Amino acid sequence: MNPSDRHERGREDLRKEILNAARDMFATGSFEEFSMRKLASKIGYSATTIYLYFTDRRDLLNRVCQETFAELNHTLEQLLATASSPLNCIRAGLRAYVEFAVAHPNHYKVVFLLDRPNNPDYRLDPTQDPGSRIYFLLRRLLSDGIDSGEIRPLELDATAQSIWASIHGLATLLILETEFPLEQRDRLIETQTDLLINGLAAQNASK
């Protein structure tokens, strides 16, 4: 490896270290409590070094959220490529969504549960929100299932939003209530998924 490659790898390693530390801090405190100075102290670098990689704390929060969604999107797109039908893909995707949240609680807290100031300057940039890809993937699967007759006729946006609200509630519960035994957790995920799929399916389509 030449010196230029080593330098670039070192920069990328430091960038990941900054993001990981920021994610943990966002997940355990409020956005208003977060500062570049506190982050610098946590990782043992100067705040000036962090500013070489990120503009401000809003930029850091955006990057954390984008990378979180990118990982989840990749998982869901793999399911889409292998699923035998829209309904089966939705079933597998709902389980994958909750399992991702449980396996990455700090990622999920930062994206969905972080208390942000009611200030436009601190809102996530909607033009860069990869979370919309998950929503439109679900909406597309619903549309495909309705067209094929596998899913009963439903209003797409209201249905997609209701499904997300339901599965988000379960994911949040399992993250915040850490005393659930593993077996009970799996049973809850399976039960919730079955209820949602059975509510979508045309007669006998989920059998």
N, C-alpha and C. Protein backbone atom coordinates (compact mmCIF):
# COMPACT_ATOMS: atom_id res chain seq x y z
N MET A 1 0.85 -1.20 0.00
CA MET A 1 0.00 0.00 0.00
C MET A 1 0.88 1.24 0.00
N ASN A 2 0.63 2.16 -0.94
CA ASN A 2 1.46 3.35 -1.02
C ASN A 2 1.04 4.38 0.02
N PRO A 3 1.87 5.39 0.28
CA PRO A 3 1.57 6.37 1.33
C PRO A 3 0.23 7.08 1.14
N SER A 4 -0.14 7.33 -0.11
CA SER A 4 -1.41 8.00 -0.38
C SER A 4 -2.59 7.12 0.05
N ASP A 5 -2.51 5.81 -0.25
CA ASP A 5 -3.58 4.89 0.15
C ASP A 5 -3.68 4.78 1.66
N ARG A 6 -2.53 4.71 2.32
CA ARG A 6 -2.53 4.62 3.79
C ARG A 6 -3.15 5.87 4.40
N HIS A 7 -2.83 7.01 3.82
CA HIS A 7 -3.38 8.27 4.33
C HIS A 7 -4.90 8.29 4.17
N GLU A 8 -5.38 7.86 3.01
CA GLU A 8 -6.81 7.86 2.74
C GLU A 8 -7.53 6.88 3.66
N ARG A 9 -6.92 5.71 3.90
CA ARG A 9 -7.53 4.74 4.81
C ARG A 9 -7.58 5.30 6.22
N GLY A 10 -6.53 6.00 6.61
CA GLY A 10 -6.51 6.61 7.94
C GLY A 10 -7.60 7.65 8.09
N ARG A 11 -7.84 8.43 7.04
CA ARG A 11 -8.90 9.43 7.07
C ARG A 11 -10.28 8.77 7.21
N GLU A 12 -10.47 7.68 6.46
CA GLU A 12 -11.75 6.99 6.51
C GLU A 12 -11.97 6.34 7.88
N ASP A 13 -10.91 5.77 8.46
CA ASP A 13 -11.02 5.18 9.80
C ASP A 13 -11.39 6.23 10.83
N LEU A 14 -10.78 7.41 10.73
CA LEU A 14 -11.09 8.48 11.68
C LEU A 14 -12.52 8.97 11.48
N ARG A 15 -12.95 9.08 10.23
CA ARG A 15 -14.32 9.50 9.95
C ARG A 15 -15.32 8.54 10.60
N LYS A 16 -15.06 7.23 10.47
CA LYS A 16 -15.95 6.24 11.07
C LYS A 16 -15.92 6.33 12.59
N GLU A 17 -14.74 6.57 13.15
CA GLU A 17 -14.64 6.71 14.60
C GLU A 17 -15.45 7.90 15.09
N ILE A 18 -15.38 9.00 14.37
CA ILE A 18 -16.16 10.19 14.74
C ILE A 18 -17.65 9.89 14.66
N LEU A 19 -18.08 9.26 13.57
CA LEU A 19 -19.50 8.95 13.40
C LEU A 19 -20.01 8.00 14.48
N ASN A 20 -19.23 6.97 14.79
CA ASN A 20 -19.66 6.00 15.80
C ASN A 20 -19.79 6.66 17.17
N ALA A 21 -18.83 7.51 17.52
CA ALA A 21 -18.88 8.19 18.82
C ALA A 21 -20.06 9.17 18.85
N ALA A 22 -20.28 9.88 17.74
CA ALA A 22 -21.40 10.83 17.68
C ALA A 22 -22.73 10.10 17.81
N ARG A 23 -22.85 8.95 17.16
CA ARG A 23 -24.09 8.18 17.22
C ARG A 23 -24.39 7.78 18.67
N ASP A 24 -23.39 7.30 19.38
CA ASP A 24 -23.59 6.90 20.77
C ASP A 24 -24.00 8.09 21.63
N MET A 25 -23.39 9.25 21.38
CA MET A 25 -23.71 10.43 22.17
C MET A 25 -25.12 10.94 21.85
N PHE A 26 -25.49 10.94 20.59
CA PHE A 26 -26.85 11.35 20.22
C PHE A 26 -27.88 10.42 20.86
N ALA A 27 -27.58 9.12 20.89
CA ALA A 27 -28.53 8.13 21.37
C ALA A 27 -28.74 8.19 22.88
N THR A 28 -27.76 8.69 23.60
CA THR A 28 -27.84 8.70 25.06
C THR A 28 -28.09 10.09 25.64
N GLY A 29 -28.19 11.09 24.79
CA GLY A 29 -28.46 12.45 25.24
C GLY A 29 -29.30 13.19 24.21
N SER A 30 -29.67 14.41 24.52
CA SER A 30 -30.47 15.19 23.58
C SER A 30 -29.57 15.85 22.54
N PHE A 31 -30.19 16.28 21.46
CA PHE A 31 -29.45 16.98 20.42
C PHE A 31 -28.85 18.27 20.96
N GLU A 32 -29.60 18.97 21.80
CA GLU A 32 -29.15 20.24 22.34
C GLU A 32 -27.95 20.07 23.27
N GLU A 33 -27.83 18.91 23.91
CA GLU A 33 -26.69 18.66 24.80
C GLU A 33 -25.41 18.34 24.04
N PHE A 34 -25.56 17.95 22.79
CA PHE A 34 -24.41 17.52 22.01
C PHE A 34 -23.58 18.73 21.56
N SER A 35 -22.26 18.59 21.63
CA SER A 35 -21.38 19.63 21.11
C SER A 35 -20.15 18.99 20.49
N MET A 36 -19.56 19.68 19.54
CA MET A 36 -18.34 19.18 18.91
C MET A 36 -17.21 19.07 19.94
N ARG A 37 -17.21 19.96 20.91
CA ARG A 37 -16.17 19.93 21.94
C ARG A 37 -16.29 18.66 22.79
N LYS A 38 -17.52 18.31 23.17
CA LYS A 38 -17.72 17.08 23.95
C LYS A 38 -17.33 15.85 23.12
N LEU A 39 -17.68 15.86 21.84
CA LEU A 39 -17.31 14.75 20.96
C LEU A 39 -15.80 14.63 20.85
N ALA A 40 -15.13 15.76 20.70
CA ALA A 40 -13.67 15.75 20.58
C ALA A 40 -13.03 15.17 21.84
N SER A 41 -13.56 15.54 22.99
CA SER A 41 -13.04 15.03 24.25
C SER A 41 -13.24 13.52 24.35
N LYS A 42 -14.37 13.02 23.86
CA LYS A 42 -14.68 11.60 23.93
C LYS A 42 -13.71 10.76 23.11
N ILE A 43 -13.33 11.25 21.93
CA ILE A 43 -12.48 10.45 21.06
C ILE A 43 -11.00 10.84 21.13
N GLY A 44 -10.68 11.88 21.90
CA GLY A 44 -9.28 12.24 22.08
C GLY A 44 -8.66 13.02 20.94
N TYR A 45 -9.51 13.74 20.18
CA TYR A 45 -9.03 14.62 19.12
C TYR A 45 -9.51 16.03 19.40
N SER A 46 -8.95 16.99 18.69
CA SER A 46 -9.40 18.37 18.84
C SER A 46 -10.67 18.59 18.04
N ALA A 47 -11.46 19.58 18.47
CA ALA A 47 -12.67 19.92 17.71
C ALA A 47 -12.30 20.37 16.30
N THR A 48 -11.15 20.99 16.15
CA THR A 48 -10.69 21.42 14.83
C THR A 48 -10.57 20.24 13.88
N THR A 49 -10.09 19.12 14.38
CA THR A 49 -9.96 17.92 13.55
C THR A 49 -11.32 17.45 13.07
N ILE A 50 -12.30 17.46 13.96
CA ILE A 50 -13.65 17.01 13.59
C ILE A 50 -14.23 17.92 12.51
N TYR A 51 -13.97 19.22 12.61
CA TYR A 51 -14.50 20.15 11.62
C TYR A 51 -13.88 19.96 10.23
N LEU A 52 -12.79 19.23 10.15
CA LEU A 52 -12.22 18.89 8.84
C LEU A 52 -13.10 17.88 8.10
N TYR A 53 -13.92 17.15 8.87
CA TYR A 53 -14.77 16.09 8.29
C TYR A 53 -16.24 16.47 8.24
N PHE A 54 -16.70 17.24 9.22
CA PHE A 54 -18.12 17.56 9.33
C PHE A 54 -18.30 19.04 9.63
N THR A 55 -19.31 19.63 9.01
CA THR A 55 -19.53 21.08 9.12
C THR A 55 -19.96 21.49 10.52
N ASP A 56 -20.92 20.75 11.08
CA ASP A 56 -21.47 21.07 12.39
C ASP A 56 -22.23 19.85 12.89
N ARG A 57 -22.91 19.99 14.02
CA ARG A 57 -23.60 18.83 14.61
C ARG A 57 -24.78 18.40 13.75
N ARG A 58 -25.42 19.33 13.03
CA ARG A 58 -26.50 18.94 12.13
C ARG A 58 -25.95 18.08 11.00
N ASP A 59 -24.82 18.45 10.47
CA ASP A 59 -24.18 17.65 9.42
C ASP A 59 -23.86 16.26 9.95
N LEU A 60 -23.34 16.18 11.16
CA LEU A 60 -23.04 14.88 11.77
C LEU A 60 -24.30 14.04 11.92
N LEU A 61 -25.38 14.65 12.40
CA LEU A 61 -26.63 13.91 12.58
C LEU A 61 -27.16 13.41 11.24
N ASN A 62 -27.11 14.26 10.22
CA ASN A 62 -27.53 13.84 8.89
C ASN A 62 -26.73 12.64 8.40
N ARG A 63 -25.43 12.68 8.59
CA ARG A 63 -24.58 11.59 8.10
C ARG A 63 -24.86 10.29 8.86
N VAL A 64 -25.05 10.39 10.16
CA VAL A 64 -25.39 9.20 10.95
C VAL A 64 -26.68 8.58 10.43
N CYS A 65 -27.70 9.40 10.21
CA CYS A 65 -28.98 8.90 9.74
C CYS A 65 -28.88 8.30 8.34
N GLN A 66 -28.14 8.96 7.46
CA GLN A 66 -27.99 8.46 6.11
C GLN A 66 -27.32 7.09 6.09
N GLU A 67 -26.26 6.93 6.87
CA GLU A 67 -25.54 5.65 6.87
C GLU A 67 -26.37 4.55 7.51
N THR A 68 -27.17 4.91 8.51
CA THR A 68 -28.06 3.93 9.13
C THR A 68 -29.07 3.42 8.11
N PHE A 69 -29.71 4.33 7.40
CA PHE A 69 -30.70 3.94 6.40
C PHE A 69 -30.06 3.18 5.24
N ALA A 70 -28.84 3.56 4.88
CA ALA A 70 -28.17 2.87 3.77
C ALA A 70 -27.99 1.40 4.09
N GLU A 71 -27.63 1.10 5.34
CA GLU A 71 -27.44 -0.30 5.74
C GLU A 71 -28.77 -1.05 5.73
N LEU A 72 -29.82 -0.41 6.26
CA LEU A 72 -31.13 -1.06 6.29
C LEU A 72 -31.68 -1.21 4.87
N ASN A 73 -31.50 -0.19 4.04
CA ASN A 73 -31.95 -0.28 2.65
C ASN A 73 -31.30 -1.44 1.92
N HIS A 74 -30.02 -1.64 2.16
CA HIS A 74 -29.30 -2.73 1.50
C HIS A 74 -29.93 -4.08 1.87
N THR A 75 -30.24 -4.25 3.15
CA THR A 75 -30.86 -5.49 3.61
C THR A 75 -32.21 -5.70 2.93
N LEU A 76 -33.02 -4.65 2.86
CA LEU A 76 -34.36 -4.77 2.28
C LEU A 76 -34.30 -5.00 0.77
N GLU A 77 -33.34 -4.40 0.11
CA GLU A 77 -33.22 -4.60 -1.34
C GLU A 77 -32.77 -6.02 -1.67
N GLN A 78 -31.96 -6.62 -0.80
CA GLN A 78 -31.59 -8.02 -0.99
C GLN A 78 -32.81 -8.92 -0.87
N LEU A 79 -33.69 -8.61 0.08
CA LEU A 79 -34.93 -9.38 0.23
C LEU A 79 -35.80 -9.23 -1.01
N LEU A 80 -35.87 -8.01 -1.54
CA LEU A 80 -36.68 -7.76 -2.72
C LEU A 80 -36.20 -8.60 -3.90
N ALA A 81 -34.89 -8.78 -3.99
CA ALA A 81 -34.32 -9.52 -5.12
C ALA A 81 -34.61 -11.01 -5.05
N THR A 82 -34.92 -11.51 -3.85
CA THR A 82 -35.08 -12.96 -3.69
C THR A 82 -36.50 -13.39 -3.34
N ALA A 83 -37.37 -12.45 -2.98
CA ALA A 83 -38.72 -12.81 -2.54
C ALA A 83 -39.55 -13.33 -3.70
N SER A 84 -40.43 -14.27 -3.41
CA SER A 84 -41.25 -14.89 -4.46
C SER A 84 -42.49 -14.09 -4.80
N SER A 85 -42.89 -13.15 -3.94
CA SER A 85 -44.10 -12.36 -4.19
C SER A 85 -44.04 -11.09 -3.36
N PRO A 86 -44.84 -10.06 -3.71
CA PRO A 86 -44.86 -8.83 -2.91
C PRO A 86 -45.21 -9.09 -1.44
N LEU A 87 -46.20 -9.95 -1.20
CA LEU A 87 -46.62 -10.20 0.17
C LEU A 87 -45.51 -10.88 0.97
N ASN A 88 -44.83 -11.84 0.37
CA ASN A 88 -43.71 -12.50 1.05
C ASN A 88 -42.57 -11.53 1.31
N CYS A 89 -42.35 -10.61 0.37
CA CYS A 89 -41.29 -9.61 0.55
C CYS A 89 -41.64 -8.66 1.70
N ILE A 90 -42.91 -8.25 1.77
CA ILE A 90 -43.32 -7.39 2.88
C ILE A 90 -43.15 -8.12 4.21
N ARG A 91 -43.54 -9.38 4.26
CA ARG A 91 -43.40 -10.17 5.49
C ARG A 91 -41.94 -10.23 5.93
N ALA A 92 -41.06 -10.58 5.00
CA ALA A 92 -39.63 -10.68 5.32
C ALA A 92 -39.05 -9.31 5.68
N GLY A 93 -39.52 -8.27 4.97
CA GLY A 93 -39.01 -6.93 5.23
C GLY A 93 -39.40 -6.40 6.60
N LEU A 94 -40.61 -6.70 7.04
CA LEU A 94 -41.05 -6.25 8.36
C LEU A 94 -40.20 -6.89 9.46
N ARG A 95 -39.96 -8.18 9.31
CA ARG A 95 -39.11 -8.87 10.30
C ARG A 95 -37.68 -8.30 10.26
N ALA A 96 -37.15 -8.10 9.07
CA ALA A 96 -35.79 -7.57 8.94
C ALA A 96 -35.69 -6.17 9.56
N TYR A 97 -36.74 -5.38 9.39
CA TYR A 97 -36.77 -4.03 9.95
C TYR A 97 -36.65 -4.06 11.47
N VAL A 98 -37.48 -4.88 12.11
CA VAL A 98 -37.45 -4.95 13.57
C VAL A 98 -36.13 -5.55 14.06
N GLU A 99 -35.67 -6.58 13.38
CA GLU A 99 -34.41 -7.21 13.80
C GLU A 99 -33.23 -6.25 13.65
N PHE A 100 -33.26 -5.41 12.62
CA PHE A 100 -32.22 -4.40 12.46
C PHE A 100 -32.26 -3.42 13.63
N ALA A 101 -33.46 -2.98 14.00
CA ALA A 101 -33.60 -2.03 15.11
C ALA A 101 -33.08 -2.62 16.41
N VAL A 102 -33.42 -3.87 16.67
CA VAL A 102 -32.99 -4.52 17.91
C VAL A 102 -31.48 -4.74 17.92
N ALA A 103 -30.92 -5.07 16.77
CA ALA A 103 -29.47 -5.32 16.68
C ALA A 103 -28.67 -4.02 16.70
N HIS A 104 -29.29 -2.89 16.31
CA HIS A 104 -28.59 -1.61 16.25
C HIS A 104 -29.42 -0.55 17.00
N PRO A 105 -29.59 -0.72 18.30
CA PRO A 105 -30.49 0.19 19.02
C PRO A 105 -30.08 1.65 18.97
N ASN A 106 -28.77 1.94 19.03
CA ASN A 106 -28.35 3.33 19.00
C ASN A 106 -28.60 3.96 17.63
N HIS A 107 -28.39 3.18 16.57
CA HIS A 107 -28.70 3.67 15.23
C HIS A 107 -30.18 4.07 15.17
N TYR A 108 -31.03 3.18 15.65
CA TYR A 108 -32.48 3.39 15.56
C TYR A 108 -32.92 4.57 16.42
N LYS A 109 -32.36 4.68 17.61
CA LYS A 109 -32.71 5.79 18.49
C LYS A 109 -32.38 7.13 17.84
N VAL A 110 -31.20 7.21 17.23
CA VAL A 110 -30.79 8.47 16.61
C VAL A 110 -31.71 8.84 15.48
N VAL A 111 -32.06 7.87 14.64
CA VAL A 111 -32.89 8.16 13.47
C VAL A 111 -34.33 8.49 13.86
N PHE A 112 -34.91 7.74 14.81
CA PHE A 112 -36.35 7.85 15.06
C PHE A 112 -36.74 8.39 16.43
N LEU A 113 -35.86 8.30 17.41
CA LEU A 113 -36.28 8.63 18.77
C LEU A 113 -35.55 9.83 19.36
N LEU A 114 -34.61 10.40 18.64
CA LEU A 114 -33.85 11.54 19.16
C LEU A 114 -34.73 12.78 19.22
N ASP A 115 -34.70 13.45 20.37
CA ASP A 115 -35.46 14.68 20.55
C ASP A 115 -34.67 15.84 19.95
N ARG A 116 -35.17 16.39 18.83
CA ARG A 116 -34.50 17.49 18.16
C ARG A 116 -35.20 18.81 18.48
N PRO A 117 -34.48 19.91 18.45
CA PRO A 117 -35.13 21.21 18.67
C PRO A 117 -36.16 21.49 17.59
N ASN A 118 -37.21 22.20 17.95
CA ASN A 118 -38.23 22.59 16.98
C ASN A 118 -37.73 23.83 16.23
N ASN A 119 -36.73 23.58 15.42
CA ASN A 119 -36.04 24.67 14.71
C ASN A 119 -35.69 24.18 13.32
N PRO A 120 -36.10 24.89 12.28
CA PRO A 120 -35.82 24.42 10.91
C PRO A 120 -34.34 24.17 10.65
N ASP A 121 -33.47 24.89 11.34
CA ASP A 121 -32.03 24.72 11.11
C ASP A 121 -31.53 23.34 11.53
N TYR A 122 -32.29 22.63 12.37
CA TYR A 122 -31.83 21.35 12.89
C TYR A 122 -32.63 20.18 12.36
N ARG A 123 -33.53 20.43 11.42
CA ARG A 123 -34.28 19.33 10.83
C ARG A 123 -33.44 18.62 9.78
N LEU A 124 -33.69 17.33 9.62
CA LEU A 124 -32.98 16.58 8.60
C LEU A 124 -33.36 17.11 7.22
N ASP A 125 -32.39 17.14 6.35
CA ASP A 125 -32.61 17.61 4.99
C ASP A 125 -33.46 16.59 4.24
N PRO A 126 -34.71 16.93 3.87
CA PRO A 126 -35.59 15.94 3.23
C PRO A 126 -35.06 15.48 1.87
N THR A 127 -34.27 16.32 1.21
CA THR A 127 -33.75 15.93 -0.10
C THR A 127 -32.67 14.86 0.02
N GLN A 128 -32.14 14.66 1.23
CA GLN A 128 -31.10 13.67 1.43
C GLN A 128 -31.56 12.54 2.34
N ASP A 129 -32.86 12.42 2.53
CA ASP A 129 -33.40 11.45 3.47
C ASP A 129 -33.57 10.09 2.80
N PRO A 130 -32.63 9.16 3.03
CA PRO A 130 -32.76 7.85 2.41
C PRO A 130 -33.87 7.02 3.01
N GLY A 131 -34.44 7.46 4.14
CA GLY A 131 -35.56 6.75 4.72
C GLY A 131 -36.76 6.73 3.80
N SER A 132 -36.86 7.73 2.92
CA SER A 132 -37.98 7.75 1.98
C SER A 132 -37.93 6.56 1.03
N ARG A 133 -36.74 6.03 0.78
CA ARG A 133 -36.62 4.86 -0.09
C ARG A 133 -37.34 3.65 0.51
N ILE A 134 -37.25 3.52 1.84
CA ILE A 134 -37.93 2.41 2.50
C ILE A 134 -39.44 2.56 2.36
N TYR A 135 -39.91 3.79 2.56
CA TYR A 135 -41.36 4.03 2.44
C TYR A 135 -41.85 3.72 1.03
N PHE A 136 -41.15 4.21 0.02
CA PHE A 136 -41.62 4.02 -1.34
C PHE A 136 -41.43 2.58 -1.81
N LEU A 137 -40.48 1.87 -1.22
CA LEU A 137 -40.36 0.44 -1.50
C LEU A 137 -41.59 -0.29 -0.98
N LEU A 138 -41.99 -0.01 0.24
CA LEU A 138 -43.19 -0.62 0.81
C LEU A 138 -44.41 -0.26 -0.02
N ARG A 139 -44.52 0.99 -0.40
CA ARG A 139 -45.67 1.44 -1.19
C ARG A 139 -45.71 0.71 -2.55
N ARG A 140 -44.56 0.53 -3.15
CA ARG A 140 -44.50 -0.17 -4.44
C ARG A 140 -44.90 -1.62 -4.31
N LEU A 141 -44.44 -2.27 -3.22
CA LEU A 141 -44.81 -3.66 -3.00
C LEU A 141 -46.31 -3.80 -2.78
N LEU A 142 -46.89 -2.87 -2.04
CA LEU A 142 -48.34 -2.89 -1.84
C LEU A 142 -49.07 -2.74 -3.18
N SER A 143 -48.59 -1.81 -3.99
CA SER A 143 -49.21 -1.59 -5.29
C SER A 143 -49.10 -2.83 -6.18
N ASP A 144 -47.91 -3.44 -6.20
CA ASP A 144 -47.72 -4.66 -7.00
C ASP A 144 -48.63 -5.79 -6.53
N GLY A 145 -48.76 -5.92 -5.20
CA GLY A 145 -49.61 -6.97 -4.65
C GLY A 145 -51.07 -6.76 -4.95
N ILE A 146 -51.51 -5.50 -4.93
CA ILE A 146 -52.90 -5.20 -5.28
C ILE A 146 -53.15 -5.50 -6.75
N ASP A 147 -52.21 -5.09 -7.60
CA ASP A 147 -52.36 -5.32 -9.04
C ASP A 147 -52.42 -6.82 -9.37
N SER A 148 -51.65 -7.62 -8.61
CA SER A 148 -51.62 -9.06 -8.89
C SER A 148 -52.78 -9.81 -8.24
N GLY A 149 -53.53 -9.13 -7.37
CA GLY A 149 -54.65 -9.77 -6.68
C GLY A 149 -54.24 -10.48 -5.40
N GLU A 150 -52.97 -10.40 -5.04
CA GLU A 150 -52.49 -11.05 -3.81
C GLU A 150 -52.89 -10.25 -2.58
N ILE A 151 -52.94 -8.94 -2.72
CA ILE A 151 -53.30 -8.03 -1.64
C ILE A 151 -54.65 -7.39 -1.98
N ARG A 152 -55.52 -7.32 -1.00
CA ARG A 152 -56.85 -6.76 -1.25
C ARG A 152 -56.73 -5.26 -1.55
N PRO A 153 -57.68 -4.68 -2.26
CA PRO A 153 -57.62 -3.25 -2.60
C PRO A 153 -57.57 -2.37 -1.34
N LEU A 154 -56.57 -1.51 -1.27
CA LEU A 154 -56.37 -0.64 -0.12
C LEU A 154 -55.84 0.71 -0.60
N GLU A 155 -56.02 1.75 0.22
CA GLU A 155 -55.46 3.06 -0.10
C GLU A 155 -53.97 3.02 0.22
N LEU A 156 -53.13 3.26 -0.77
CA LEU A 156 -51.70 2.97 -0.65
C LEU A 156 -51.01 3.76 0.46
N ASP A 157 -51.14 5.08 0.45
CA ASP A 157 -50.38 5.88 1.41
C ASP A 157 -50.83 5.63 2.85
N ALA A 158 -52.14 5.60 3.07
CA ALA A 158 -52.64 5.34 4.43
C ALA A 158 -52.20 3.96 4.91
N THR A 159 -52.22 2.97 4.02
CA THR A 159 -51.83 1.62 4.41
C THR A 159 -50.34 1.53 4.69
N ALA A 160 -49.52 2.11 3.83
CA ALA A 160 -48.07 2.09 4.04
C ALA A 160 -47.71 2.78 5.35
N GLN A 161 -48.35 3.92 5.62
CA GLN A 161 -48.05 4.64 6.86
C GLN A 161 -48.53 3.89 8.09
N SER A 162 -49.66 3.22 7.98
CA SER A 162 -50.17 2.43 9.11
C SER A 162 -49.26 1.24 9.41
N ILE A 163 -48.77 0.59 8.37
CA ILE A 163 -47.85 -0.53 8.57
C ILE A 163 -46.58 -0.05 9.25
N TRP A 164 -46.04 1.06 8.76
CA TRP A 164 -44.81 1.56 9.38
C TRP A 164 -45.05 1.94 10.84
N ALA A 165 -46.17 2.61 11.12
CA ALA A 165 -46.47 3.01 12.49
C ALA A 165 -46.53 1.79 13.41
N SER A 166 -47.12 0.72 12.92
CA SER A 166 -47.26 -0.49 13.73
C SER A 166 -45.90 -1.14 13.98
N ILE A 167 -45.10 -1.29 12.93
CA ILE A 167 -43.82 -2.00 13.09
C ILE A 167 -42.81 -1.12 13.82
N HIS A 168 -42.91 0.20 13.64
CA HIS A 168 -42.06 1.13 14.39
C HIS A 168 -42.38 1.05 15.89
N GLY A 169 -43.66 0.92 16.21
CA GLY A 169 -44.03 0.79 17.62
C GLY A 169 -43.43 -0.44 18.26
N LEU A 170 -43.45 -1.56 17.54
CA LEU A 170 -42.88 -2.78 18.07
C LEU A 170 -41.37 -2.65 18.21
N ALA A 171 -40.72 -2.09 17.20
CA ALA A 171 -39.26 -1.91 17.27
C ALA A 171 -38.88 -1.04 18.46
N THR A 172 -39.62 0.03 18.66
CA THR A 172 -39.33 0.94 19.78
C THR A 172 -39.53 0.23 21.12
N LEU A 173 -40.60 -0.53 21.24
CA LEU A 173 -40.86 -1.27 22.47
C LEU A 173 -39.72 -2.22 22.80
N LEU A 174 -39.27 -2.96 21.81
CA LEU A 174 -38.22 -3.95 22.05
C LEU A 174 -36.88 -3.31 22.37
N ILE A 175 -36.65 -2.10 21.86
CA ILE A 175 -35.41 -1.39 22.18
C ILE A 175 -35.44 -0.82 23.59
N LEU A 176 -36.57 -0.23 23.95
CA LEU A 176 -36.66 0.46 25.24
C LEU A 176 -36.95 -0.49 26.39
N GLU A 177 -37.69 -1.57 26.12
CA GLU A 177 -38.00 -2.56 27.15
C GLU A 177 -37.03 -3.73 26.99
N THR A 178 -35.87 -3.63 27.58
CA THR A 178 -34.80 -4.60 27.34
C THR A 178 -34.96 -5.91 28.10
N GLU A 179 -36.00 -6.03 28.92
CA GLU A 179 -36.18 -7.23 29.72
C GLU A 179 -36.90 -8.36 28.98
N PHE A 180 -37.36 -8.10 27.74
CA PHE A 180 -38.03 -9.16 27.00
C PHE A 180 -37.07 -10.32 26.76
N PRO A 181 -37.44 -11.55 27.16
CA PRO A 181 -36.60 -12.71 26.82
C PRO A 181 -36.54 -12.89 25.32
N LEU A 182 -35.46 -13.49 24.84
CA LEU A 182 -35.26 -13.66 23.40
C LEU A 182 -36.44 -14.39 22.76
N GLU A 183 -36.91 -15.46 23.41
CA GLU A 183 -38.00 -16.25 22.84
C GLU A 183 -39.27 -15.42 22.73
N GLN A 184 -39.55 -14.62 23.75
CA GLN A 184 -40.74 -13.78 23.71
C GLN A 184 -40.61 -12.71 22.64
N ARG A 185 -39.40 -12.16 22.48
CA ARG A 185 -39.18 -11.15 21.45
C ARG A 185 -39.50 -11.72 20.07
N ASP A 186 -38.97 -12.89 19.77
CA ASP A 186 -39.23 -13.51 18.47
C ASP A 186 -40.71 -13.79 18.26
N ARG A 187 -41.38 -14.21 19.32
CA ARG A 187 -42.81 -14.51 19.21
C ARG A 187 -43.61 -13.23 18.94
N LEU A 188 -43.21 -12.13 19.57
CA LEU A 188 -43.88 -10.85 19.33
C LEU A 188 -43.70 -10.39 17.88
N ILE A 189 -42.49 -10.51 17.38
CA ILE A 189 -42.22 -10.11 16.00
C ILE A 189 -43.06 -10.95 15.04
N GLU A 190 -43.09 -12.26 15.28
CA GLU A 190 -43.83 -13.15 14.39
C GLU A 190 -45.33 -12.86 14.44
N THR A 191 -45.85 -12.65 15.65
CA THR A 191 -47.28 -12.37 15.81
C THR A 191 -47.67 -11.06 15.14
N GLN A 192 -46.86 -10.03 15.38
CA GLN A 192 -47.15 -8.73 14.78
C GLN A 192 -47.11 -8.80 13.25
N THR A 193 -46.11 -9.49 12.73
CA THR A 193 -45.98 -9.63 11.29
C THR A 193 -47.17 -10.38 10.71
N ASP A 194 -47.56 -11.47 11.35
CA ASP A 194 -48.70 -12.25 10.87
C ASP A 194 -49.98 -11.42 10.85
N LEU A 195 -50.20 -10.64 11.90
CA LEU A 195 -51.39 -9.81 11.96
C LEU A 195 -51.44 -8.81 10.81
N LEU A 196 -50.30 -8.19 10.53
CA LEU A 196 -50.24 -7.21 9.45
C LEU A 196 -50.43 -7.87 8.08
N ILE A 197 -49.77 -9.00 7.87
CA ILE A 197 -49.87 -9.68 6.58
C ILE A 197 -51.29 -10.20 6.36
N ASN A 198 -51.89 -10.77 7.39
CA ASN A 198 -53.26 -11.28 7.26
C ASN A 198 -54.25 -10.14 6.98
N GLY A 199 -53.95 -8.95 7.50
CA GLY A 199 -54.81 -7.81 7.22
C GLY A 199 -54.68 -7.30 5.80
N LEU A 200 -53.55 -7.58 5.16
CA LEU A 200 -53.32 -7.14 3.79
C LEU A 200 -53.84 -8.13 2.76
N ALA A 201 -53.74 -9.40 3.09
CA ALA A 201 -53.93 -10.45 2.08
C ALA A 201 -55.36 -10.54 1.57
N ALA A 202 -55.47 -10.75 0.28
CA ALA A 202 -56.75 -11.13 -0.29
C ALA A 202 -57.10 -12.52 0.23
N GLN A 203 -58.32 -12.96 0.08
CA GLN A 203 -58.74 -14.24 0.64
C GLN A 203 -57.81 -15.36 0.20
N ASN A 204 -57.27 -16.06 1.20
CA ASN A 204 -56.40 -17.23 0.99
C ASN A 204 -55.02 -16.89 0.42
N ALA A 205 -54.70 -15.60 0.23
CA ALA A 205 -53.42 -15.26 -0.38
C ALA A 205 -52.26 -15.50 0.55
N SER A 206 -52.46 -15.42 1.87
CA SER A 206 -51.37 -15.60 2.81
C SER A 206 -51.20 -17.04 3.23
N LYS A 207 -52.02 -17.93 2.73
CA LYS A 207 -51.96 -19.33 3.14
C LYS A 207 -50.82 -20.05 2.44
